[in-house]
PDB file of all heavy atoms in Angstrom:
ATOM      1  N   PHE A   1       0.816  -1.195  -0.007  1.00  0.00           N
ATOM      2  CA  PHE A   1       0.008   0.018   0.026  1.00  0.00           C
ATOM      3  C   PHE A   1       0.871   1.234   0.002  1.00  0.00           C
ATOM      4  O   PHE A   1       1.950   1.302   0.637  1.00  0.00           O
ATOM      5  CB  PHE A   1      -0.901   0.030   1.245  1.00  0.00           C
ATOM      6  CG  PHE A   1      -1.992  -0.979   1.313  1.00  0.00           C
ATOM      7  CD1 PHE A   1      -2.018  -2.073   0.422  1.00  0.00           C
ATOM      8  CD2 PHE A   1      -2.995  -0.879   2.231  1.00  0.00           C
ATOM      9  CE1 PHE A   1      -3.032  -3.006   0.449  1.00  0.00           C
ATOM     10  CE2 PHE A   1      -4.019  -1.845   2.312  1.00  0.00           C
ATOM     11  CZ  PHE A   1      -4.019  -2.894   1.435  1.00  0.00           C
ATOM     12  N   THR A   2       0.421   2.256  -0.715  1.00  0.00           N
ATOM     13  CA  THR A   2       1.151   3.568  -0.752  1.00  0.00           C
ATOM     14  C   THR A   2       0.118   4.716  -0.549  1.00  0.00           C
ATOM     15  O   THR A   2      -0.876   4.782  -1.251  1.00  0.00           O
ATOM     16  CB  THR A   2       1.857   3.741  -2.079  1.00  0.00           C
ATOM     17  OG1 THR A   2       2.770   2.664  -2.303  1.00  0.00           O
ATOM     18  CG2 THR A   2       2.648   5.035  -2.102  1.00  0.00           C
ATOM     19  N   ILE A   3       0.426   5.586   0.379  1.00  0.00           N
ATOM     20  CA  ILE A   3      -0.362   6.740   0.592  1.00  0.00           C
ATOM     21  C   ILE A   3       0.245   7.952  -0.089  1.00  0.00           C
ATOM     22  O   ILE A   3       1.478   8.093  -0.110  1.00  0.00           O
ATOM     23  CB  ILE A   3      -0.607   6.995   2.133  1.00  0.00           C
ATOM     24  CG1 ILE A   3      -1.568   8.150   2.389  1.00  0.00           C
ATOM     25  CG2 ILE A   3       0.788   7.273   2.831  1.00  0.00           C
ATOM     26  CD1 ILE A   3      -1.994   8.325   3.837  1.00  0.00           C
ATOM     27  N   SER A   4      -0.595   8.794  -0.625  1.00  0.00           N
ATOM     28  CA  SER A   4      -0.097  10.065  -1.257  1.00  0.00           C
ATOM     29  C   SER A   4      -1.168  11.082  -1.152  1.00  0.00           C
ATOM     30  O   SER A   4      -2.273  10.849  -0.705  1.00  0.00           O
ATOM     31  CB  SER A   4       0.230   9.762  -2.741  1.00  0.00           C
ATOM     32  OG  SER A   4      -0.969   9.391  -3.458  1.00  0.00           O
ATOM     33  N   ARG A   5      -0.742  12.345  -1.487  1.00  0.00           N
ATOM     34  CA  ARG A   5      -1.665  13.426  -1.365  1.00  0.00           C
ATOM     35  C   ARG A   5      -1.506  14.408  -2.500  1.00  0.00           C
ATOM     36  O   ARG A   5      -0.362  14.567  -3.015  1.00  0.00           O
ATOM     37  CB  ARG A   5      -1.547  14.184  -0.026  1.00  0.00           C
ATOM     38  CG  ARG A   5      -0.177  14.822   0.188  1.00  0.00           C
ATOM     39  CD  ARG A   5       0.001  15.241   1.683  1.00  0.00           C
ATOM     40  NE  ARG A   5      -0.978  16.257   2.075  1.00  0.00           N
ATOM     41  CZ  ARG A   5      -1.336  16.458   3.339  1.00  0.00           C
ATOM     42  NH1 ARG A   5      -0.840  15.762   4.296  1.00  0.00           N
ATOM     43  NH2 ARG A   5      -2.168  17.439   3.594  1.00  0.00           N
ATOM     44  N   ASN A   6      -2.570  15.036  -2.907  1.00  0.00           N
ATOM     45  CA  ASN A   6      -2.537  16.139  -3.863  1.00  0.00           C
ATOM     46  C   ASN A   6      -3.254  17.311  -3.249  1.00  0.00           C
ATOM     47  O   ASN A   6      -4.475  17.399  -3.218  1.00  0.00           O
ATOM     48  CB  ASN A   6      -3.269  15.721  -5.172  1.00  0.00           C
ATOM     49  CG  ASN A   6      -3.137  16.730  -6.295  1.00  0.00           C
ATOM     50  OD1 ASN A   6      -3.116  17.898  -6.026  1.00  0.00           O
ATOM     51  ND2 ASN A   6      -3.075  16.243  -7.500  1.00  0.00           N
ATOM     52  N   ASN A   7      -2.480  18.230  -2.713  1.00  0.00           N
ATOM     53  CA  ASN A   7      -3.046  19.371  -2.002  1.00  0.00           C
ATOM     54  C   ASN A   7      -3.849  20.265  -2.976  1.00  0.00           C
ATOM     55  O   ASN A   7      -4.817  20.865  -2.536  1.00  0.00           O
ATOM     56  CB  ASN A   7      -1.930  20.196  -1.344  1.00  0.00           C
ATOM     57  CG  ASN A   7      -1.340  19.435  -0.172  1.00  0.00           C
ATOM     58  OD1 ASN A   7      -1.919  18.549   0.377  1.00  0.00           O
ATOM     59  ND2 ASN A   7      -0.143  19.870   0.276  1.00  0.00           N
ATOM     60  N   ALA A   8      -3.450  20.339  -4.171  1.00  0.00           N
ATOM     61  CA  ALA A   8      -4.177  21.196  -5.133  1.00  0.00           C
ATOM     62  C   ALA A   8      -5.601  20.671  -5.346  1.00  0.00           C
ATOM     63  O   ALA A   8      -6.526  21.448  -5.592  1.00  0.00           O
ATOM     64  CB  ALA A   8      -3.416  21.224  -6.494  1.00  0.00           C
ATOM     65  N   LYS A   9      -5.742  19.343  -5.260  1.00  0.00           N
ATOM     66  CA  LYS A   9      -7.078  18.762  -5.420  1.00  0.00           C
ATOM     67  C   LYS A   9      -7.732  18.492  -4.074  1.00  0.00           C
ATOM     68  O   LYS A   9      -8.860  17.927  -4.030  1.00  0.00           O
ATOM     69  CB  LYS A   9      -6.995  17.440  -6.195  1.00  0.00           C
ATOM     70  CG  LYS A   9      -6.520  17.630  -7.647  1.00  0.00           C
ATOM     71  CD  LYS A   9      -6.562  16.319  -8.430  1.00  0.00           C
ATOM     72  CE  LYS A   9      -6.234  16.532  -9.888  1.00  0.00           C
ATOM     73  NZ  LYS A   9      -6.285  15.238 -10.657  1.00  0.00           N
ATOM     74  N   ASN A  10      -7.023  18.790  -2.964  1.00  0.00           N
ATOM     75  CA  ASN A  10      -7.546  18.564  -1.608  1.00  0.00           C
ATOM     76  C   ASN A  10      -7.962  17.085  -1.452  1.00  0.00           C
ATOM     77  O   ASN A  10      -9.004  16.787  -0.822  1.00  0.00           O
ATOM     78  CB  ASN A  10      -8.778  19.486  -1.347  1.00  0.00           C
ATOM     79  CG  ASN A  10      -8.613  20.200  -0.041  1.00  0.00           C
ATOM     80  OD1 ASN A  10      -7.502  20.509   0.407  1.00  0.00           O
ATOM     81  ND2 ASN A  10      -9.702  20.473   0.657  1.00  0.00           N
ATOM     82  N   THR A  11      -7.101  16.200  -1.887  1.00  0.00           N
ATOM     83  CA  THR A  11      -7.418  14.808  -1.905  1.00  0.00           C
ATOM     84  C   THR A  11      -6.202  13.977  -1.525  1.00  0.00           C
ATOM     85  O   THR A  11      -5.068  14.303  -1.832  1.00  0.00           O
ATOM     86  CB  THR A  11      -7.830  14.386  -3.349  1.00  0.00           C
ATOM     87  OG1 THR A  11      -8.968  15.137  -3.769  1.00  0.00           O
ATOM     88  CG2 THR A  11      -8.206  12.881  -3.420  1.00  0.00           C
ATOM     89  N   VAL A  12      -6.557  12.892  -0.800  1.00  0.00           N
ATOM     90  CA  VAL A  12      -5.551  11.915  -0.327  1.00  0.00           C
ATOM     91  C   VAL A  12      -5.890  10.594  -0.978  1.00  0.00           C
ATOM     92  O   VAL A  12      -7.075  10.281  -1.162  1.00  0.00           O
ATOM     93  CB  VAL A  12      -5.524  11.812   1.191  1.00  0.00           C
ATOM     94  CG1 VAL A  12      -4.524  10.751   1.651  1.00  0.00           C
ATOM     95  CG2 VAL A  12      -5.180  13.163   1.796  1.00  0.00           C
ATOM     96  N   TYR A  13      -4.870   9.806  -1.319  1.00  0.00           N
ATOM     97  CA  TYR A  13      -5.076   8.534  -1.992  1.00  0.00           C
ATOM     98  C   TYR A  13      -4.427   7.432  -1.162  1.00  0.00           C
ATOM     99  O   TYR A  13      -3.487   7.615  -0.433  1.00  0.00           O
ATOM    100  CB  TYR A  13      -4.433   8.572  -3.376  1.00  0.00           C
ATOM    101  CG  TYR A  13      -4.915   9.741  -4.220  1.00  0.00           C
ATOM    102  CD1 TYR A  13      -4.215  10.913  -4.312  1.00  0.00           C
ATOM    103  CD2 TYR A  13      -6.126   9.643  -4.979  1.00  0.00           C
ATOM    104  CE1 TYR A  13      -4.644  11.942  -5.050  1.00  0.00           C
ATOM    105  CE2 TYR A  13      -6.538  10.663  -5.721  1.00  0.00           C
ATOM    106  CZ  TYR A  13      -5.826  11.869  -5.790  1.00  0.00           C
ATOM    107  OH  TYR A  13      -6.272  12.887  -6.543  1.00  0.00           O
ATOM    108  N   LEU A  14      -4.985   6.226  -1.398  1.00  0.00           N
ATOM    109  CA  LEU A  14      -4.380   5.008  -0.899  1.00  0.00           C
ATOM    110  C   LEU A  14      -4.301   4.006  -2.084  1.00  0.00           C
ATOM    111  O   LEU A  14      -5.360   3.438  -2.438  1.00  0.00           O
ATOM    112  CB  LEU A  14      -5.112   4.441   0.279  1.00  0.00           C
ATOM    113  CG  LEU A  14      -4.462   3.184   0.930  1.00  0.00           C
ATOM    114  CD1 LEU A  14      -3.137   3.622   1.621  1.00  0.00           C
ATOM    115  CD2 LEU A  14      -5.390   2.555   1.970  1.00  0.00           C
ATOM    116  N   GLN A  15      -3.139   3.803  -2.593  1.00  0.00           N
ATOM    117  CA  GLN A  15      -2.968   2.797  -3.656  1.00  0.00           C
ATOM    118  C   GLN A  15      -2.715   1.457  -3.007  1.00  0.00           C
ATOM    119  O   GLN A  15      -1.762   1.288  -2.242  1.00  0.00           O
ATOM    120  CB  GLN A  15      -1.773   3.206  -4.560  1.00  0.00           C
ATOM    121  CG  GLN A  15      -1.476   2.159  -5.640  1.00  0.00           C
ATOM    122  CD  GLN A  15      -2.579   2.058  -6.675  1.00  0.00           C
ATOM    123  OE1 GLN A  15      -3.116   3.064  -7.139  1.00  0.00           O
ATOM    124  NE2 GLN A  15      -2.929   0.852  -7.033  1.00  0.00           N
ATOM    125  N   MET A  16      -3.567   0.469  -3.300  1.00  0.00           N
ATOM    126  CA  MET A  16      -3.473  -0.839  -2.685  1.00  0.00           C
ATOM    127  C   MET A  16      -3.183  -1.906  -3.766  1.00  0.00           C
ATOM    128  O   MET A  16      -4.048  -2.062  -4.704  1.00  0.00           O
ATOM    129  CB  MET A  16      -4.772  -1.140  -1.974  1.00  0.00           C
ATOM    130  CG  MET A  16      -5.163  -0.102  -0.964  1.00  0.00           C
ATOM    131  SD  MET A  16      -6.647  -0.536   0.061  1.00  0.00           S
ATOM    132  CE  MET A  16      -7.841  -0.662  -1.246  1.00  0.00           C
ATOM    133  N   ASN A  17      -2.045  -2.508  -3.654  1.00  0.00           N
ATOM    134  CA  ASN A  17      -1.672  -3.597  -4.625  1.00  0.00           C
ATOM    135  C   ASN A  17      -1.544  -4.889  -3.885  1.00  0.00           C
ATOM    136  O   ASN A  17      -1.433  -4.950  -2.685  1.00  0.00           O
ATOM    137  CB  ASN A  17      -0.317  -3.211  -5.287  1.00  0.00           C
ATOM    138  CG  ASN A  17      -0.367  -1.921  -6.080  1.00  0.00           C
ATOM    139  OD1 ASN A  17      -1.423  -1.531  -6.596  1.00  0.00           O
ATOM    140  ND2 ASN A  17       0.708  -1.173  -6.066  1.00  0.00           N
ATOM    141  N   SER A  18      -1.507  -5.946  -4.692  1.00  0.00           N
ATOM    142  CA  SER A  18      -1.302  -7.322  -4.142  1.00  0.00           C
ATOM    143  C   SER A  18      -2.326  -7.559  -2.985  1.00  0.00           C
ATOM    144  O   SER A  18      -1.934  -8.060  -1.880  1.00  0.00           O
ATOM    145  CB  SER A  18       0.098  -7.535  -3.682  1.00  0.00           C
ATOM    146  OG  SER A  18       1.041  -7.335  -4.716  1.00  0.00           O
ATOM    147  N   LEU A  19      -3.555  -7.227  -3.177  1.00  0.00           N
ATOM    148  CA  LEU A  19      -4.580  -7.312  -2.150  1.00  0.00           C
ATOM    149  C   LEU A  19      -4.751  -8.773  -1.729  1.00  0.00           C
ATOM    150  O   LEU A  19      -4.692  -9.698  -2.554  1.00  0.00           O
ATOM    151  CB  LEU A  19      -5.857  -6.710  -2.588  1.00  0.00           C
ATOM    152  CG  LEU A  19      -5.848  -5.209  -2.561  1.00  0.00           C
ATOM    153  CD1 LEU A  19      -6.960  -4.587  -3.416  1.00  0.00           C
ATOM    154  CD2 LEU A  19      -6.010  -4.713  -1.133  1.00  0.00           C
ATOM    155  N   LYS A  20      -5.049  -8.958  -0.399  1.00  0.00           N
ATOM    156  CA  LYS A  20      -5.250 -10.242   0.188  1.00  0.00           C
ATOM    157  C   LYS A  20      -6.626 -10.292   0.824  1.00  0.00           C
ATOM    158  O   LYS A  20      -7.169  -9.227   1.182  1.00  0.00           O
ATOM    159  CB  LYS A  20      -4.234 -10.497   1.287  1.00  0.00           C
ATOM    160  CG  LYS A  20      -2.756 -10.336   0.800  1.00  0.00           C
ATOM    161  CD  LYS A  20      -1.810 -10.497   1.991  1.00  0.00           C
ATOM    162  CE  LYS A  20      -0.388 -10.347   1.564  1.00  0.00           C
ATOM    163  NZ  LYS A  20       0.574 -10.491   2.746  1.00  0.00           N
ATOM    164  N   PRO A  21      -7.246 -11.440   1.008  1.00  0.00           N
ATOM    165  CA  PRO A  21      -8.554 -11.556   1.655  1.00  0.00           C
ATOM    166  C   PRO A  21      -8.558 -10.837   3.030  1.00  0.00           C
ATOM    167  O   PRO A  21      -9.550 -10.248   3.418  1.00  0.00           O
ATOM    168  CB  PRO A  21      -8.756 -13.039   1.798  1.00  0.00           C
ATOM    169  CG  PRO A  21      -8.000 -13.633   0.607  1.00  0.00           C
ATOM    170  CD  PRO A  21      -6.757 -12.757   0.549  1.00  0.00           C
ATOM    171  N   GLU A  22      -7.429 -10.864   3.743  1.00  0.00           N
ATOM    172  CA  GLU A  22      -7.389 -10.275   5.068  1.00  0.00           C
ATOM    173  C   GLU A  22      -7.361  -8.723   4.981  1.00  0.00           C
ATOM    174  O   GLU A  22      -7.451  -8.045   6.030  1.00  0.00           O
ATOM    175  CB  GLU A  22      -6.189 -10.731   5.830  1.00  0.00           C
ATOM    176  CG  GLU A  22      -4.877 -10.634   5.113  1.00  0.00           C
ATOM    177  CD  GLU A  22      -4.481 -11.976   4.495  1.00  0.00           C
ATOM    178  OE1 GLU A  22      -5.342 -12.637   3.904  1.00  0.00           O
ATOM    179  OE2 GLU A  22      -3.292 -12.354   4.611  1.00  0.00           O
ATOM    180  N   ASP A  23      -7.276  -8.118   3.809  1.00  0.00           N
ATOM    181  CA  ASP A  23      -7.399  -6.753   3.636  1.00  0.00           C
ATOM    182  C   ASP A  23      -8.872  -6.282   3.547  1.00  0.00           C
ATOM    183  O   ASP A  23      -9.176  -5.043   3.561  1.00  0.00           O
ATOM    184  CB  ASP A  23      -6.720  -6.252   2.385  1.00  0.00           C
ATOM    185  CG  ASP A  23      -5.201  -6.435   2.445  1.00  0.00           C
ATOM    186  OD1 ASP A  23      -4.627  -6.200   3.453  1.00  0.00           O
ATOM    187  OD2 ASP A  23      -4.650  -6.876   1.379  1.00  0.00           O
ATOM    188  N   THR A  24      -9.800  -7.248   3.535  1.00  0.00           N
ATOM    189  CA  THR A  24     -11.240  -6.917   3.495  1.00  0.00           C
ATOM    190  C   THR A  24     -11.610  -6.137   4.714  1.00  0.00           C
ATOM    191  O   THR A  24     -11.385  -6.568   5.855  1.00  0.00           O
ATOM    192  CB  THR A  24     -12.046  -8.228   3.393  1.00  0.00           C
ATOM    193  OG1 THR A  24     -11.758  -8.862   2.185  1.00  0.00           O
ATOM    194  CG2 THR A  24     -13.565  -7.919   3.570  1.00  0.00           C
ATOM    195  N   ALA A  25     -12.178  -4.946   4.527  1.00  0.00           N
ATOM    196  CA  ALA A  25     -12.561  -4.064   5.616  1.00  0.00           C
ATOM    197  C   ALA A  25     -13.252  -2.858   5.084  1.00  0.00           C
ATOM    198  O   ALA A  25     -13.224  -2.609   3.865  1.00  0.00           O
ATOM    199  CB  ALA A  25     -11.323  -3.628   6.427  1.00  0.00           C
ATOM    200  N   VAL A  26     -13.815  -2.023   5.999  1.00  0.00           N
ATOM    201  CA  VAL A  26     -14.255  -0.675   5.651  1.00  0.00           C
ATOM    202  C   VAL A  26     -13.025   0.219   5.865  1.00  0.00           C
ATOM    203  O   VAL A  26     -12.455   0.205   6.948  1.00  0.00           O
ATOM    204  CB  VAL A  26     -15.437  -0.236   6.497  1.00  0.00           C
ATOM    205  CG1 VAL A  26     -15.805   1.185   6.107  1.00  0.00           C
ATOM    206  CG2 VAL A  26     -16.612  -1.161   6.238  1.00  0.00           C
ATOM    207  N   TYR A  27     -12.696   0.997   4.874  1.00  0.00           N
ATOM    208  CA  TYR A  27     -11.517   1.874   4.950  1.00  0.00           C
ATOM    209  C   TYR A  27     -12.009   3.340   5.166  1.00  0.00           C
ATOM    210  O   TYR A  27     -12.855   3.820   4.459  1.00  0.00           O
ATOM    211  CB  TYR A  27     -10.702   1.783   3.665  1.00  0.00           C
ATOM    212  CG  TYR A  27      -9.869   0.519   3.601  1.00  0.00           C
ATOM    213  CD1 TYR A  27     -10.463  -0.701   3.408  1.00  0.00           C
ATOM    214  CD2 TYR A  27      -8.540   0.576   3.745  1.00  0.00           C
ATOM    215  CE1 TYR A  27      -9.714  -1.904   3.382  1.00  0.00           C
ATOM    216  CE2 TYR A  27      -7.731  -0.607   3.751  1.00  0.00           C
ATOM    217  CZ  TYR A  27      -8.375  -1.764   3.532  1.00  0.00           C
ATOM    218  OH  TYR A  27      -7.606  -2.974   3.537  1.00  0.00           O
ATOM    219  N   TYR A  28     -11.371   3.931   6.170  1.00  0.00           N
ATOM    220  CA  TYR A  28     -11.681   5.281   6.594  1.00  0.00           C
ATOM    221  C   TYR A  28     -10.532   6.254   6.370  1.00  0.00           C
ATOM    222  O   TYR A  28      -9.411   5.886   6.711  1.00  0.00           O
ATOM    223  CB  TYR A  28     -12.089   5.308   8.055  1.00  0.00           C
ATOM    224  CG  TYR A  28     -13.307   4.494   8.387  1.00  0.00           C
ATOM    225  CD1 TYR A  28     -13.178   3.177   8.795  1.00  0.00           C
ATOM    226  CD2 TYR A  28     -14.608   5.057   8.370  1.00  0.00           C
ATOM    227  CE1 TYR A  28     -14.287   2.393   9.135  1.00  0.00           C
ATOM    228  CE2 TYR A  28     -15.720   4.272   8.692  1.00  0.00           C
ATOM    229  CZ  TYR A  28     -15.548   2.969   9.037  1.00  0.00           C
ATOM    230  OH  TYR A  28     -16.621   2.217   9.410  1.00  0.00           O
ATOM    231  N   CYS A  29     -10.860   7.451   5.927  1.00  0.00           N
ATOM    232  CA  CYS A  29      -9.907   8.508   5.816  1.00  0.00           C
ATOM    233  C   CYS A  29     -10.092   9.401   7.045  1.00  0.00           C
ATOM    234  O   CYS A  29     -11.150   9.610   7.576  1.00  0.00           O
ATOM    235  CB  CYS A  29     -10.215   9.297   4.540  1.00  0.00           C
ATOM    236  SG  CYS A  29      -9.282  10.806   4.327  1.00  0.00           S
ATOM    237  N   ALA A  30      -8.987   9.975   7.491  1.00  0.00           N
ATOM    238  CA  ALA A  30      -9.028  10.853   8.700  1.00  0.00           C
ATOM    239  C   ALA A  30      -8.014  12.014   8.527  1.00  0.00           C
ATOM    240  O   ALA A  30      -7.021  11.912   7.903  1.00  0.00           O
ATOM    241  CB  ALA A  30      -8.644  10.055   9.935  1.00  0.00           C
ATOM    242  N   GLN A  31      -8.402  13.109   9.192  1.00  0.00           N
ATOM    243  CA  GLN A  31      -7.547  14.337   9.132  1.00  0.00           C
ATOM    244  C   GLN A  31      -7.260  14.804  10.520  1.00  0.00           C
ATOM    245  O   GLN A  31      -8.135  14.912  11.401  1.00  0.00           O
ATOM    246  CB  GLN A  31      -8.280  15.449   8.360  1.00  0.00           C
ATOM    247  CG  GLN A  31      -7.439  16.698   8.181  1.00  0.00           C
ATOM    248  CD  GLN A  31      -8.103  17.803   7.382  1.00  0.00           C
ATOM    249  OE1 GLN A  31      -9.311  17.966   7.473  1.00  0.00           O
ATOM    250  NE2 GLN A  31      -7.352  18.498   6.583  1.00  0.00           N
TER     251      GLN A  31
END
C-alpha cells in the first residue's frame, strides 16, 4: 500500500496492490 496526497485537489489517496482476503474491511480517511 502507498499513501499520497494532492493538495491542489484537496485529496488523499491509498494505492493498494497485491490485495489479500485479510485486507477486507471498511476503509476510513481521517484528518
